[in-house]
Amino acid sequence: MKNRIKVLRAERNLTQADLAVMLDTSRQTINALETGKYDPSLPLAFKIAKVFSLSIEDIFQYEE
């Protein structure tokens, strides 16, 4: 699954650690999400969408 987390985070001048704190997760999880090594759980995807004030579909794109 592709996502725009890295771009959205950079636009807001947030570090991976900053975003991790906001999402109550680890910096390693943020890194894994940004590099496509990990797909978020549905609750985490909703938290990410809320932090960026976007819909889940605006952040994540399914790819086959």
Protein backbone atom coordinates (compact mmCIF):
# COMPACT_ATOMS: atom_id res chain seq x y z
CA MET A 1 0.00 0.00 0.00
CA LYS A 2 1.36 3.40 -0.95
CA ASN A 3 1.02 6.34 1.39
CA ARG A 4 1.83 10.04 1.66
CA ILE A 5 2.88 10.05 5.31
CA LYS A 6 6.47 11.17 4.68
CA VAL A 7 5.37 14.08 2.48
CA LEU A 8 2.60 15.14 4.84
CA ARG A 9 4.95 14.93 7.81
CA ALA A 10 7.61 17.01 6.04
CA GLU A 11 5.05 19.66 5.03
CA ARG A 12 4.29 20.13 8.73
CA ASN A 13 7.95 20.08 9.81
CA LEU A 14 7.41 17.01 11.98
CA THR A 15 10.08 14.43 12.70
CA GLN A 16 9.26 10.75 12.76
CA ALA A 17 9.58 10.94 16.55
CA ASP A 18 7.13 13.87 16.71
CA LEU A 19 4.55 11.99 14.69
CA ALA A 20 5.10 8.83 16.72
CA VAL A 21 4.29 10.72 19.93
CA MET A 22 1.16 12.20 18.36
CA LEU A 23 0.02 8.72 17.33
CA ASP A 24 1.11 6.95 20.52
CA THR A 25 3.35 4.59 18.57
CA SER A 26 7.08 4.17 17.97
CA ARG A 27 9.39 6.02 15.60
CA GLN A 28 10.23 2.62 14.11
CA THR A 29 6.57 2.13 13.23
CA ILE A 30 6.49 5.50 11.46
CA ASN A 31 9.63 4.57 9.54
CA ALA A 32 8.15 1.20 8.55
CA LEU A 33 4.94 2.91 7.37
CA GLU A 34 6.86 5.48 5.31
CA THR A 35 9.04 2.87 3.64
CA GLY A 36 6.10 0.58 2.86
CA LYS A 37 7.31 -2.25 5.08
CA TYR A 38 4.21 -2.10 7.24
CA ASP A 39 0.53 -1.38 6.58
CA PRO A 40 -1.27 0.29 9.47
CA SER A 41 -4.09 -1.23 11.43
CA LEU A 42 -7.44 0.41 10.81
CA PRO A 43 -7.38 2.27 14.18
CA LEU A 44 -3.87 3.60 13.40
CA ALA A 45 -4.96 4.66 9.90
CA PHE A 46 -7.84 6.64 11.44
CA LYS A 47 -5.43 8.30 13.91
CA ILE A 48 -3.09 9.25 11.08
CA ALA A 49 -5.97 10.71 9.07
CA LYS A 50 -7.11 12.72 12.09
CA VAL A 51 -3.62 14.12 12.76
CA PHE A 52 -3.36 15.35 9.17
CA SER A 53 -7.05 16.37 8.92
CA LEU A 54 -7.48 14.25 5.80
CA SER A 55 -9.49 11.20 4.85
CA ILE A 56 -7.81 7.81 4.92
CA GLU A 57 -8.17 7.66 1.13
CA ASP A 58 -6.22 10.93 0.81
CA ILE A 59 -3.26 9.36 2.62
CA PHE A 60 -3.29 5.70 1.59
CA GLN A 61 -3.60 4.23 -1.90
CA TYR A 62 -3.99 0.51 -2.47
CA GLU A 63 -1.71 -0.99 -5.08
CA GLU A 64 -1.85 -4.53 -6.37
